[in-house]
Amino acid sequence: NLIVTMIFNVPLNNALAAVDPESANGAAVWTTYLRDWVMWNHVRTITAIAALACFIIALR
């Protein structure tokens, strides 16, 4: 989860912060940001669930 955040989500956040939201490019950057950020957030969620499952199995 930390790796996905550092490699994918943080650079996406930085790119979004660097663009002027009132510019013509702002809408394009937001569209790309939203699509990519949501996808990587789903990856983080799935890996967290998998880690929890492994932890529960290890406790048995």
PDB file of N, CA and C in Angstrom:
ATOM      1  N   ASN A   1       0.806  -1.189   0.000  1.00  0.00           N
ATOM      2  CA  ASN A   1       0.000   0.000   0.000  1.00  0.00           C
ATOM      3  C   ASN A   1       0.855   1.262   0.000  1.00  0.00           C
ATOM      4  N   LEU A   2       1.891   1.260   0.810  1.00  0.00           N
ATOM      5  CA  LEU A   2       2.767   2.419   0.875  1.00  0.00           C
ATOM      6  C   LEU A   2       3.489   2.631  -0.447  1.00  0.00           C
ATOM      7  N   ILE A   3       3.904   1.548  -1.079  1.00  0.00           N
ATOM      8  CA  ILE A   3       4.610   1.653  -2.359  1.00  0.00           C
ATOM      9  C   ILE A   3       3.694   2.229  -3.430  1.00  0.00           C
ATOM     10  N   VAL A   4       2.475   1.737  -3.509  1.00  0.00           N
ATOM     11  CA  VAL A   4       1.517   2.264  -4.491  1.00  0.00           C
ATOM     12  C   VAL A   4       1.284   3.750  -4.240  1.00  0.00           C
ATOM     13  N   THR A   5       1.132   4.118  -2.990  1.00  0.00           N
ATOM     14  CA  THR A   5       0.917   5.526  -2.653  1.00  0.00           C
ATOM     15  C   THR A   5       2.096   6.376  -3.093  1.00  0.00           C
ATOM     16  N   MET A   6       3.304   5.937  -2.764  1.00  0.00           N
ATOM     17  CA  MET A   6       4.493   6.728  -3.073  1.00  0.00           C
ATOM     18  C   MET A   6       4.783   6.791  -4.568  1.00  0.00           C
ATOM     19  N   ILE A   7       4.588   5.677  -5.272  1.00  0.00           N
ATOM     20  CA  ILE A   7       4.955   5.632  -6.689  1.00  0.00           C
ATOM     21  C   ILE A   7       3.870   6.227  -7.586  1.00  0.00           C
ATOM     22  N   PHE A   8       2.611   6.057  -7.222  1.00  0.00           N
ATOM     23  CA  PHE A   8       1.537   6.467  -8.123  1.00  0.00           C
ATOM     24  C   PHE A   8       0.703   7.635  -7.590  1.00  0.00           C
ATOM     25  N   ASN A   9       0.169   7.518  -6.383  1.00  0.00           N
ATOM     26  CA  ASN A   9      -0.772   8.527  -5.904  1.00  0.00           C
ATOM     27  C   ASN A   9      -0.114   9.871  -5.588  1.00  0.00           C
ATOM     28  N   VAL A  10       1.040   9.859  -4.955  1.00  0.00           N
ATOM     29  CA  VAL A  10       1.700  11.123  -4.616  1.00  0.00           C
ATOM     30  C   VAL A  10       2.081  11.907  -5.872  1.00  0.00           C
ATOM     31  N   PRO A  11       2.695  11.280  -6.891  1.00  0.00           N
ATOM     32  CA  PRO A  11       2.974  12.051  -8.113  1.00  0.00           C
ATOM     33  C   PRO A  11       1.706  12.591  -8.789  1.00  0.00           C
ATOM     34  N   LEU A  12       0.624  11.818  -8.739  1.00  0.00           N
ATOM     35  CA  LEU A  12      -0.635  12.313  -9.299  1.00  0.00           C
ATOM     36  C   LEU A  12      -1.114  13.535  -8.523  1.00  0.00           C
ATOM     37  N   ASN A  13      -1.022  13.477  -7.198  1.00  0.00           N
ATOM     38  CA  ASN A  13      -1.419  14.619  -6.372  1.00  0.00           C
ATOM     39  C   ASN A  13      -0.555  15.839  -6.668  1.00  0.00           C
ATOM     40  N   ASN A  14       0.747  15.625  -6.825  1.00  0.00           N
ATOM     41  CA  ASN A  14       1.657  16.733  -7.120  1.00  0.00           C
ATOM     42  C   ASN A  14       1.354  17.356  -8.477  1.00  0.00           C
ATOM     43  N   ALA A  15       1.066  16.519  -9.472  1.00  0.00           N
ATOM     44  CA  ALA A  15       0.738  17.036 -10.804  1.00  0.00           C
ATOM     45  C   ALA A  15      -0.550  17.851 -10.755  1.00  0.00           C
ATOM     46  N   LEU A  16      -1.514  17.391 -10.001  1.00  0.00           N
ATOM     47  CA  LEU A  16      -2.778  18.121  -9.882  1.00  0.00           C
ATOM     48  C   LEU A  16      -2.568  19.450  -9.162  1.00  0.00           C
ATOM     49  N   ALA A  17      -1.741  19.449  -8.140  1.00  0.00           N
ATOM     50  CA  ALA A  17      -1.483  20.676  -7.389  1.00  0.00           C
ATOM     51  C   ALA A  17      -0.745  21.717  -8.228  1.00  0.00           C
ATOM     52  N   ALA A  18       0.014  21.262  -9.226  1.00  0.00           N
ATOM     53  CA  ALA A  18       0.821  22.170 -10.033  1.00  0.00           C
ATOM     54  C   ALA A  18       0.034  22.853 -11.148  1.00  0.00           C
ATOM     55  N   VAL A  19      -1.156  22.367 -11.452  1.00  0.00           N
ATOM     56  CA  VAL A  19      -1.914  22.923 -12.572  1.00  0.00           C
ATOM     57  C   VAL A  19      -2.900  23.979 -12.072  1.00  0.00           C
ATOM     58  N   ASP A  20      -3.096  24.995 -12.889  1.00  0.00           N
ATOM     59  CA  ASP A  20      -4.075  26.036 -12.578  1.00  0.00           C
ATOM     60  C   ASP A  20      -5.471  25.491 -12.862  1.00  0.00           C
ATOM     61  N   PRO A  21      -6.332  25.406 -11.860  1.00  0.00           N
ATOM     62  CA  PRO A  21      -7.656  24.822 -12.082  1.00  0.00           C
ATOM     63  C   PRO A  21      -8.524  25.625 -13.047  1.00  0.00           C
ATOM     64  N   GLU A  22      -8.193  26.879 -13.254  1.00  0.00           N
ATOM     65  CA  GLU A  22      -8.964  27.727 -14.167  1.00  0.00           C
ATOM     66  C   GLU A  22      -8.468  27.639 -15.610  1.00  0.00           C
ATOM     67  N   SER A  23      -7.347  26.964 -15.831  1.00  0.00           N
ATOM     68  CA  SER A  23      -6.791  26.879 -17.184  1.00  0.00           C
ATOM     69  C   SER A  23      -7.510  25.815 -17.999  1.00  0.00           C
ATOM     70  N   ALA A  24      -7.314  25.881 -19.313  1.00  0.00           N
ATOM     71  CA  ALA A  24      -7.901  24.876 -20.203  1.00  0.00           C
ATOM     72  C   ALA A  24      -7.299  23.507 -19.921  1.00  0.00           C
ATOM     73  N   ASN A  25      -6.043  23.490 -19.542  1.00  0.00           N
ATOM     74  CA  ASN A  25      -5.360  22.236 -19.237  1.00  0.00           C
ATOM     75  C   ASN A  25      -5.854  21.632 -17.920  1.00  0.00           C
ATOM     76  N   GLY A  26      -6.415  22.448 -17.060  1.00  0.00           N
ATOM     77  CA  GLY A  26      -6.869  21.976 -15.753  1.00  0.00           C
ATOM     78  C   GLY A  26      -7.913  20.882 -15.838  1.00  0.00           C
ATOM     79  N   ALA A  27      -8.859  21.016 -16.747  1.00  0.00           N
ATOM     80  CA  ALA A  27      -9.906  19.995 -16.898  1.00  0.00           C
ATOM     81  C   ALA A  27      -9.328  18.684 -17.399  1.00  0.00           C
ATOM     82  N   ALA A  28      -8.391  18.758 -18.328  1.00  0.00           N
ATOM     83  CA  ALA A  28      -7.768  17.537 -18.856  1.00  0.00           C
ATOM     84  C   ALA A  28      -6.947  16.840 -17.783  1.00  0.00           C
ATOM     85  N   VAL A  29      -6.206  17.619 -17.012  1.00  0.00           N
ATOM     86  CA  VAL A  29      -5.396  17.036 -15.939  1.00  0.00           C
ATOM     87  C   VAL A  29      -6.310  16.400 -14.892  1.00  0.00           C
ATOM     88  N   TRP A  30      -7.412  17.066 -14.545  1.00  0.00           N
ATOM     89  CA  TRP A  30      -8.346  16.524 -13.555  1.00  0.00           C
ATOM     90  C   TRP A  30      -8.937  15.205 -14.032  1.00  0.00           C
ATOM     91  N   THR A  31      -9.332  15.128 -15.307  1.00  0.00           N
ATOM     92  CA  THR A  31      -9.917  13.902 -15.850  1.00  0.00           C
ATOM     93  C   THR A  31      -8.928  12.747 -15.764  1.00  0.00           C
ATOM     94  N   THR A  32      -7.700  12.993 -16.161  1.00  0.00           N
ATOM     95  CA  THR A  32      -6.662  11.958 -16.090  1.00  0.00           C
ATOM     96  C   THR A  32      -6.364  11.596 -14.640  1.00  0.00           C
ATOM     97  N   TYR A  33      -6.252  12.616 -13.792  1.00  0.00           N
ATOM     98  CA  TYR A  33      -5.986  12.396 -12.375  1.00  0.00           C
ATOM     99  C   TYR A  33      -7.054  11.503 -11.748  1.00  0.00           C
ATOM    100  N   LEU A  34      -8.302  11.850 -11.974  1.00  0.00           N
ATOM    101  CA  LEU A  34      -9.400  11.115 -11.351  1.00  0.00           C
ATOM    102  C   LEU A  34      -9.412   9.655 -11.788  1.00  0.00           C
ATOM    103  N   ARG A  35      -9.259   9.419 -13.084  1.00  0.00           N
ATOM    104  CA  ARG A  35      -9.249   8.044 -13.594  1.00  0.00           C
ATOM    105  C   ARG A  35      -8.103   7.241 -12.976  1.00  0.00           C
ATOM    106  N   ASP A  36      -6.897   7.793 -13.026  1.00  0.00           N
ATOM    107  CA  ASP A  36      -5.718   7.067 -12.541  1.00  0.00           C
ATOM    108  C   ASP A  36      -5.713   6.929 -11.020  1.00  0.00           C
ATOM    109  N   TRP A  37      -6.080   7.993 -10.312  1.00  0.00           N
ATOM    110  CA  TRP A  37      -6.059   7.938  -8.857  1.00  0.00           C
ATOM    111  C   TRP A  37      -7.050   6.907  -8.333  1.00  0.00           C
ATOM    112  N   VAL A  38      -8.238   6.875  -8.905  1.00  0.00           N
ATOM    113  CA  VAL A  38      -9.247   5.904  -8.464  1.00  0.00           C
ATOM    114  C   VAL A  38      -8.771   4.476  -8.733  1.00  0.00           C
ATOM    115  N   MET A  39      -8.156   4.248  -9.905  1.00  0.00           N
ATOM    116  CA  MET A  39      -7.658   2.909 -10.212  1.00  0.00           C
ATOM    117  C   MET A  39      -6.615   2.473  -9.169  1.00  0.00           C
ATOM    118  N   TRP A  40      -5.647   3.346  -8.880  1.00  0.00           N
ATOM    119  CA  TRP A  40      -4.606   2.974  -7.916  1.00  0.00           C
ATOM    120  C   TRP A  40      -5.160   2.891  -6.498  1.00  0.00           C
ATOM    121  N   ASN A  41      -6.197   3.631  -6.198  1.00  0.00           N
ATOM    122  CA  ASN A  41      -6.838   3.498  -4.895  1.00  0.00           C
ATOM    123  C   ASN A  41      -7.511   2.137  -4.769  1.00  0.00           C
ATOM    124  N   HIS A  42      -8.095   1.650  -5.847  1.00  0.00           N
ATOM    125  CA  HIS A  42      -8.667   0.301  -5.830  1.00  0.00           C
ATOM    126  C   HIS A  42      -7.572  -0.749  -5.613  1.00  0.00           C
ATOM    127  N   VAL A  43      -6.415  -0.554  -6.234  1.00  0.00           N
ATOM    128  CA  VAL A  43      -5.291  -1.479  -6.024  1.00  0.00           C
ATOM    129  C   VAL A  43      -4.895  -1.475  -4.550  1.00  0.00           C
ATOM    130  N   ARG A  44      -4.819  -0.294  -3.952  1.00  0.00           N
ATOM    131  CA  ARG A  44      -4.472  -0.219  -2.524  1.00  0.00           C
ATOM    132  C   ARG A  44      -5.508  -0.932  -1.666  1.00  0.00           C
ATOM    133  N   THR A  45      -6.768  -0.769  -1.993  1.00  0.00           N
ATOM    134  CA  THR A  45      -7.834  -1.421  -1.231  1.00  0.00           C
ATOM    135  C   THR A  45      -7.737  -2.932  -1.339  1.00  0.00           C
ATOM    136  N   ILE A  46      -7.535  -3.428  -2.547  1.00  0.00           N
ATOM    137  CA  ILE A  46      -7.437  -4.878  -2.764  1.00  0.00           C
ATOM    138  C   ILE A  46      -6.227  -5.452  -2.038  1.00  0.00           C
ATOM    139  N   THR A  47      -5.093  -4.760  -2.096  1.00  0.00           N
ATOM    140  CA  THR A  47      -3.908  -5.279  -1.404  1.00  0.00           C
ATOM    141  C   THR A  47      -4.089  -5.236   0.112  1.00  0.00           C
ATOM    142  N   ALA A  48      -4.794  -4.237   0.616  1.00  0.00           N
ATOM    143  CA  ALA A  48      -5.059  -4.182   2.060  1.00  0.00           C
ATOM    144  C   ALA A  48      -5.962  -5.335   2.487  1.00  0.00           C
ATOM    145  N   ILE A  49      -6.963  -5.639   1.687  1.00  0.00           N
ATOM    146  CA  ILE A  49      -7.848  -6.771   1.995  1.00  0.00           C
ATOM    147  C   ILE A  49      -7.073  -8.082   1.932  1.00  0.00           C
ATOM    148  N   ALA A  50      -6.197  -8.216   0.937  1.00  0.00           N
ATOM    149  CA  ALA A  50      -5.384  -9.432   0.822  1.00  0.00           C
ATOM    150  C   ALA A  50      -4.447  -9.568   2.024  1.00  0.00           C
ATOM    151  N   ALA A  51      -3.855  -8.454   2.452  1.00  0.00           N
ATOM    152  CA  ALA A  51      -2.977  -8.494   3.627  1.00  0.00           C
ATOM    153  C   ALA A  51      -3.758  -8.882   4.876  1.00  0.00           C
ATOM    154  N   LEU A  52      -4.956  -8.361   5.023  1.00  0.00           N
ATOM    155  CA  LEU A  52      -5.795  -8.723   6.164  1.00  0.00           C
ATOM    156  C   LEU A  52      -6.140 -10.207   6.131  1.00  0.00           C
ATOM    157  N   ALA A  53      -6.463 -10.726   4.956  1.00  0.00           N
ATOM    158  CA  ALA A  53      -6.772 -12.154   4.827  1.00  0.00           C
ATOM    159  C   ALA A  53      -5.562 -13.000   5.216  1.00  0.00           C
ATOM    160  N   CYS A  54      -4.381 -12.603   4.764  1.00  0.00           N
ATOM    161  CA  CYS A  54      -3.161 -13.339   5.129  1.00  0.00           C
ATOM    162  C   CYS A  54      -2.923 -13.288   6.636  1.00  0.00           C
ATOM    163  N   PHE A  55      -3.169 -12.148   7.243  1.00  0.00           N
ATOM    164  CA  PHE A  55      -3.006 -12.006   8.684  1.00  0.00           C
ATOM    165  C   PHE A  55      -3.969 -12.916   9.442  1.00  0.00           C
ATOM    166  N   ILE A  56      -5.209 -12.949   9.006  1.00  0.00           N
ATOM    167  CA  ILE A  56      -6.205 -13.810   9.658  1.00  0.00           C
ATOM    168  C   ILE A  56      -5.826 -15.276   9.513  1.00  0.00           C
ATOM    169  N   ILE A  57      -5.372 -15.667   8.330  1.00  0.00           N
ATOM    170  CA  ILE A  57      -4.940 -17.055   8.106  1.00  0.00           C
ATOM    171  C   ILE A  57      -3.744 -17.386   8.999  1.00  0.00           C
ATOM    172  N   ALA A  58      -2.822 -16.439   9.145  1.00  0.00           N
ATOM    173  CA  ALA A  58      -1.634 -16.672   9.965  1.00  0.00           C
ATOM    174  C   ALA A  58      -1.989 -16.827  11.443  1.00  0.00           C
ATOM    175  N   LEU A  59      -3.059 -16.214  11.881  1.00  0.00           N
ATOM    176  CA  LEU A  59      -3.467 -16.324  13.278  1.00  0.00           C
ATOM    177  C   LEU A  59      -4.047 -17.687  13.618  1.00  0.00           C
ATOM    178  N   ARG A  60      -4.492 -18.405  12.628  1.00  0.00           N
ATOM    179  CA  ARG A  60      -5.124 -19.708  12.869  1.00  0.00           C
ATOM    180  C   ARG A  60      -4.124 -20.698  13.267  1.00  0.00           C
TER     181      ARG A  60
END
